[in-house]
Amino acid sequence: MNLIKSVLIVTGAGSGIGRQVALQGARDGAAVIASDINAATLEETKQMGDKEGLQIEVYTLDVADKKAVSDFAEAIIPQLKGQKLLLVNNAGVGLFSGNFYNTSQDDFEWLININLWGVIRMTKAFYPYFIKQNEGHIVNLSSVFGLGGFANQTAYCTAKFGVRGFTEALRMELIGTNIYTTCVHPGGIKTNIMRSATPKGPELTEAMHLKAIATFDKVAMTTPEKAARLILNAVKRKKQRLVIGNDGRAIDSITRLFPVAYSKIFKRKMDKAFKV
């Protein structure tokens, strides 16, 4: 099954999973509209597509900007002309700030504004089109941090649990329609999210950040290419929940089996892994 006669909109398409979803979606026949806040990396995605003769349009977009998202939708929707829409809300950031006590409210709000509100804004902006057409697919990137709460990731977990709840609520509302949702929970993916998460908390040091990067690189076993393929396959199969990676499936299982005790189980492992 291919994606011919579909329009695929991808946020955060300047790198990582988003870039691969854009490229692979175009290879599968979709007309791709790729967006990212970083114009330079987004252009790299387009150039990669151009070398293969792929149909990829690019738009610089900050999903944290309510008006920018609204303007983007107003510009794109008239171009869709009744085609099936696939929306992949992938854009997101990381925050390396330590525990909740040491995480500033400004930093907390900054992450929520991108990782959660960005998903809500994009979905809301294109939702009237989905409803009018009574078909399409909305893919929202949560995380394994949307399956369990982890120390020193209060902001990220809050956002990713929010994405999960939002997507699952839409799933129920859309029963009986031809509009589908997929909530994606990736485990460790080989992207730059940990490197780009600048240390901000007063208790953190550069050594701790480097240790976190090294540990993440060791456990992040899934490539963005594989993650993107699994996401697009989920769309084709109308699969509404996707956990990616052996680590993701392990966390999913443990949090289900031990809904309270998992906190102590994972804390012991994290204390050992991130000890400097």
Protein backbone atom coordinates (compact mmCIF):
# COMPACT_ATOMS: atom_id res chain seq x y z
CA MET A 1 0.00 0.00 0.00
CA ASN A 2 1.34 3.44 -0.92
CA LEU A 3 0.49 7.04 -0.09
CA ILE A 4 -0.38 8.25 -3.59
CA LYS A 5 -3.08 10.97 -3.65
CA SER A 6 -2.25 11.88 -0.05
CA VAL A 7 -0.74 15.07 1.33
CA LEU A 8 1.66 14.45 4.19
CA ILE A 9 2.40 17.37 6.55
CA VAL A 10 5.34 16.80 8.89
CA THR A 11 6.55 19.13 11.65
CA GLY A 12 10.11 18.99 12.92
CA ALA A 13 11.22 17.77 9.48
CA GLY A 14 14.66 19.38 9.63
CA SER A 15 16.26 16.37 11.29
CA GLY A 16 15.76 12.99 12.93
CA ILE A 17 12.46 11.16 12.70
CA GLY A 18 10.67 14.08 11.04
CA ARG A 19 13.20 14.27 8.21
CA GLN A 20 12.93 10.55 7.58
CA VAL A 21 9.12 10.60 7.66
CA ALA A 22 9.19 13.36 5.03
CA LEU A 23 11.66 11.54 2.77
CA GLN A 24 10.10 8.12 3.09
CA GLY A 25 6.59 9.51 2.74
CA ALA A 26 7.59 11.20 -0.51
CA ARG A 27 9.14 7.94 -1.73
CA ASP A 28 5.81 6.25 -1.01
CA GLY A 29 4.04 8.72 -3.29
CA ALA A 30 2.73 11.39 -0.91
CA ALA A 31 2.96 15.08 -1.68
CA VAL A 32 5.00 16.16 1.32
CA ILE A 33 4.85 19.50 3.12
CA ALA A 34 7.78 19.60 5.53
CA SER A 35 8.11 22.23 8.25
CA ASP A 36 10.67 23.10 10.91
CA ILE A 37 11.76 26.12 12.92
CA ASN A 38 15.32 25.66 11.62
CA ALA A 39 15.36 26.90 8.01
CA ALA A 40 18.91 25.64 7.36
CA THR A 41 18.31 22.02 8.36
CA LEU A 42 14.91 22.08 6.66
CA GLU A 43 16.63 23.11 3.43
CA GLU A 44 18.97 20.15 3.85
CA THR A 45 15.92 17.88 3.96
CA LYS A 46 14.61 19.42 0.75
CA GLN A 47 17.98 19.04 -0.98
CA MET A 48 18.10 15.38 0.02
CA GLY A 49 14.66 14.96 -1.53
CA ASP A 50 15.60 16.90 -4.66
CA LYS A 51 18.48 14.50 -5.32
CA GLU A 52 15.94 11.68 -5.50
CA GLY A 53 13.38 13.68 -7.46
CA LEU A 54 10.95 13.67 -4.54
CA GLN A 55 8.03 16.08 -4.13
CA ILE A 56 8.75 18.00 -0.91
CA GLU A 57 7.68 21.57 -0.16
CA VAL A 58 9.25 23.25 2.85
CA TYR A 59 7.93 25.91 5.22
CA THR A 60 9.74 27.46 8.14
CA LEU A 61 7.34 27.15 11.06
CA ASP A 62 7.48 27.63 14.83
CA VAL A 63 4.76 25.44 16.34
CA ALA A 64 5.04 27.45 19.57
CA ASP A 65 3.69 30.50 17.69
CA LYS A 66 -0.12 30.36 17.64
CA LYS A 67 -0.50 32.89 14.82
CA ALA A 68 2.20 31.25 12.71
CA VAL A 69 0.41 27.90 12.92
CA SER A 70 -2.91 29.53 12.04
CA ASP A 71 -1.36 31.36 9.08
CA PHE A 72 0.32 28.16 7.92
CA ALA A 73 -2.98 26.26 7.92
CA GLU A 74 -4.77 29.10 6.10
CA ALA A 75 -2.11 28.96 3.38
CA ILE A 76 -2.06 25.18 3.04
CA ILE A 77 -5.71 24.11 3.31
CA PRO A 78 -6.83 25.76 0.02
CA GLN A 79 -4.07 23.81 -1.74
CA LEU A 80 -5.31 20.44 -0.50
CA LYS A 81 -8.33 20.40 -2.82
CA GLY A 82 -10.01 17.41 -1.25
CA GLN A 83 -6.93 15.22 -1.07
CA LYS A 84 -6.45 12.86 1.86
CA LEU A 85 -4.45 14.56 4.62
CA LEU A 86 -1.89 12.86 6.82
CA LEU A 87 -0.62 15.07 9.66
CA VAL A 88 2.48 14.00 11.60
CA ASN A 89 3.05 16.18 14.68
CA ASN A 90 6.68 15.36 15.36
CA ALA A 91 8.30 18.67 16.39
CA GLY A 92 9.70 18.61 19.90
CA VAL A 93 12.54 19.67 22.18
CA GLY A 94 14.34 18.27 25.20
CA LEU A 95 15.20 19.93 28.50
CA PHE A 96 18.16 19.01 30.72
CA SER A 97 17.36 20.94 33.88
CA GLY A 98 17.46 18.39 36.69
CA ASN A 99 14.63 17.80 39.13
CA PHE A 100 11.38 19.76 39.37
CA TYR A 101 12.69 21.97 42.20
CA ASN A 102 15.51 23.20 39.97
CA THR A 103 13.44 23.54 36.79
CA SER A 104 12.33 27.11 36.27
CA GLN A 105 8.72 27.77 35.40
CA ASP A 106 9.85 29.61 32.26
CA ASP A 107 11.73 26.55 31.03
CA PHE A 108 8.81 24.28 31.92
CA GLU A 109 6.39 26.51 29.98
CA TRP A 110 8.81 26.74 27.04
CA LEU A 111 8.86 22.97 26.62
CA ILE A 112 5.10 22.55 27.11
CA ASN A 113 4.45 25.27 24.54
CA ILE A 114 6.34 23.29 21.89
CA ASN A 115 5.90 19.64 22.79
CA LEU A 116 2.23 19.74 23.83
CA TRP A 117 0.68 22.97 22.61
CA GLY A 118 2.43 22.57 19.26
CA VAL A 119 0.60 19.27 18.76
CA ILE A 120 -2.71 20.74 19.87
CA ARG A 121 -2.34 23.88 17.71
CA MET A 122 -1.47 21.97 14.55
CA THR A 123 -4.28 19.48 15.05
CA LYS A 124 -6.82 22.22 15.80
CA ALA A 125 -5.75 24.23 12.76
CA PHE A 126 -6.31 21.34 10.34
CA TYR A 127 -9.18 19.62 12.18
CA PRO A 128 -11.97 21.36 10.22
CA TYR A 129 -10.49 19.95 7.02
CA PHE A 130 -10.35 16.44 8.47
CA ILE A 131 -13.97 16.68 9.63
CA LYS A 132 -15.19 18.06 6.31
CA GLN A 133 -13.44 15.34 4.30
CA ASN A 134 -14.28 12.61 6.85
CA GLU A 135 -10.97 10.92 6.18
CA GLY A 136 -7.30 11.24 7.01
CA HIS A 137 -4.84 10.37 9.72
CA ILE A 138 -3.33 12.31 12.64
CA VAL A 139 -0.05 11.01 14.07
CA ASN A 140 1.16 12.51 17.34
CA LEU A 141 4.62 11.79 18.75
CA SER A 142 4.51 11.02 22.44
CA SER A 143 7.37 9.04 23.99
CA VAL A 144 8.16 6.29 26.45
CA PHE A 145 8.09 9.28 28.81
CA GLY A 146 4.37 9.29 28.06
CA LEU A 147 4.12 5.73 29.39
CA GLY A 148 5.86 6.31 32.71
CA GLY A 149 6.97 9.27 34.80
CA PHE A 150 10.73 9.63 35.21
CA ALA A 151 12.80 11.67 37.65
CA ASN A 152 14.42 14.83 36.26
CA GLN A 153 12.02 14.82 33.31
CA THR A 154 8.95 16.44 34.85
CA ALA A 155 8.38 18.90 32.00
CA TYR A 156 9.00 16.36 29.25
CA CYS A 157 6.83 13.71 30.90
CA THR A 158 4.04 16.22 31.47
CA ALA A 159 4.06 17.14 27.78
CA LYS A 160 4.27 13.57 26.50
CA PHE A 161 1.56 12.28 28.84
CA GLY A 162 -0.50 15.21 27.59
CA VAL A 163 0.08 14.23 23.97
CA ARG A 164 -0.97 10.69 24.81
CA GLY A 165 -4.16 11.78 26.59
CA PHE A 166 -5.04 14.25 23.83
CA THR A 167 -4.54 11.65 21.10
CA GLU A 168 -6.46 8.92 22.90
CA ALA A 169 -9.37 11.29 23.56
CA LEU A 170 -9.48 12.13 19.85
CA ARG A 171 -9.38 8.44 19.07
CA MET A 172 -12.59 7.89 21.01
CA GLU A 173 -14.29 10.95 19.53
CA LEU A 174 -13.47 9.78 16.01
CA ILE A 175 -14.86 6.25 16.35
CA GLY A 176 -17.24 5.65 13.45
CA THR A 177 -15.46 8.08 11.13
CA ASN A 178 -12.76 7.54 8.52
CA ILE A 179 -10.34 9.71 10.48
CA TYR A 180 -7.71 7.83 12.44
CA THR A 181 -5.13 8.73 15.05
CA THR A 182 -1.85 7.12 16.03
CA CYS A 183 -0.06 7.86 19.28
CA VAL A 184 3.63 7.01 18.90
CA HIS A 185 5.83 6.11 21.87
CA PRO A 186 9.44 5.91 20.69
CA GLY A 187 12.13 4.50 22.92
CA GLY A 188 15.71 5.67 22.38
CA ILE A 189 16.12 7.01 18.84
CA LYS A 190 19.53 8.03 17.49
CA THR A 191 18.79 11.75 17.16
CA ASN A 192 20.35 14.96 18.48
CA ILE A 193 17.67 15.67 21.09
CA MET A 194 19.97 14.99 24.05
CA ARG A 195 22.86 16.98 22.59
CA SER A 196 20.61 19.95 21.89
CA ALA A 197 19.18 19.94 25.43
CA THR A 198 21.42 22.58 27.01
CA PRO A 199 21.97 22.16 30.79
CA LYS A 200 19.92 24.83 32.57
CA GLY A 201 19.50 23.76 36.19
CA PRO A 202 21.79 25.09 38.95
CA GLU A 203 22.70 21.56 40.05
CA LEU A 204 23.85 20.44 36.61
CA THR A 205 27.36 20.42 35.21
CA GLU A 206 28.77 19.96 31.73
CA ALA A 207 30.22 16.63 32.88
CA MET A 208 26.73 15.46 33.82
CA HIS A 209 25.42 16.52 30.42
CA LEU A 210 28.22 14.68 28.61
CA LYS A 211 27.52 11.59 30.71
CA ALA A 212 23.84 11.81 29.81
CA ILE A 213 24.70 12.11 26.11
CA ALA A 214 27.03 9.10 26.29
CA THR A 215 24.44 7.02 28.13
CA PHE A 216 21.70 8.03 25.70
CA ASP A 217 23.88 7.16 22.69
CA LYS A 218 24.52 3.74 24.22
CA VAL A 219 20.86 2.88 24.82
CA ALA A 220 19.37 4.58 21.74
CA MET A 221 19.33 1.56 19.46
CA THR A 222 16.70 2.56 16.89
CA THR A 223 17.60 4.66 13.86
CA PRO A 224 15.38 7.52 12.68
CA GLU A 225 15.01 5.66 9.38
CA LYS A 226 13.52 2.62 11.08
CA ALA A 227 11.29 4.72 13.34
CA ALA A 228 9.92 6.61 10.32
CA ARG A 229 9.20 3.39 8.46
CA LEU A 230 7.30 2.00 11.45
CA ILE A 231 5.27 5.22 11.72
CA LEU A 232 4.31 5.24 8.05
CA ASN A 233 3.44 1.53 8.21
CA ALA A 234 1.20 2.30 11.19
CA VAL A 235 -0.60 4.91 9.08
CA LYS A 236 -1.08 2.47 6.21
CA ARG A 237 -2.41 -0.20 8.58
CA LYS A 238 -4.51 2.27 10.59
CA LYS A 239 -2.66 1.17 13.72
CA GLN A 240 -3.62 3.53 16.53
CA ARG A 241 -0.87 2.86 19.06
CA LEU A 242 2.80 2.35 18.26
CA VAL A 243 5.63 1.63 20.70
CA ILE A 244 9.05 1.72 19.03
CA GLY A 245 12.15 -0.21 20.05
CA ASN A 246 12.97 -3.05 22.42
CA ASP A 247 13.58 -0.47 25.15
CA GLY A 248 10.21 1.11 24.44
CA ARG A 249 8.42 -2.23 24.66
CA ALA A 250 10.26 -3.09 27.89
CA ILE A 251 9.21 0.19 29.51
CA ASP A 252 5.66 -0.31 28.26
CA SER A 253 5.50 -3.78 29.80
CA ILE A 254 7.06 -2.84 33.13
CA THR A 255 4.85 0.22 33.64
CA ARG A 256 1.78 -1.91 32.89
CA LEU A 257 2.80 -4.75 35.19
CA PHE A 258 4.05 -2.54 38.03
CA PRO A 259 2.11 0.75 37.78
CA VAL A 260 3.57 2.05 41.07
CA ALA A 261 6.68 -0.06 41.72
CA TYR A 262 8.19 0.82 38.33
CA SER A 263 9.37 4.12 39.83
CA LYS A 264 11.78 2.33 42.19
CA ILE A 265 12.78 -0.19 39.53
CA PHE A 266 13.79 2.48 37.03
CA LYS A 267 15.30 4.82 39.60
CA ARG A 268 17.90 2.22 40.55
CA LYS A 269 18.81 1.73 36.92
CA MET A 270 18.96 5.48 36.20
CA ASP A 271 21.05 6.26 39.28
CA LYS A 272 23.59 3.69 38.13
CA ALA A 273 23.55 4.71 34.46
CA PHE A 274 23.88 8.47 35.02
CA LYS A 275 26.33 8.44 37.93
CA VAL A 276 29.26 10.76 37.16
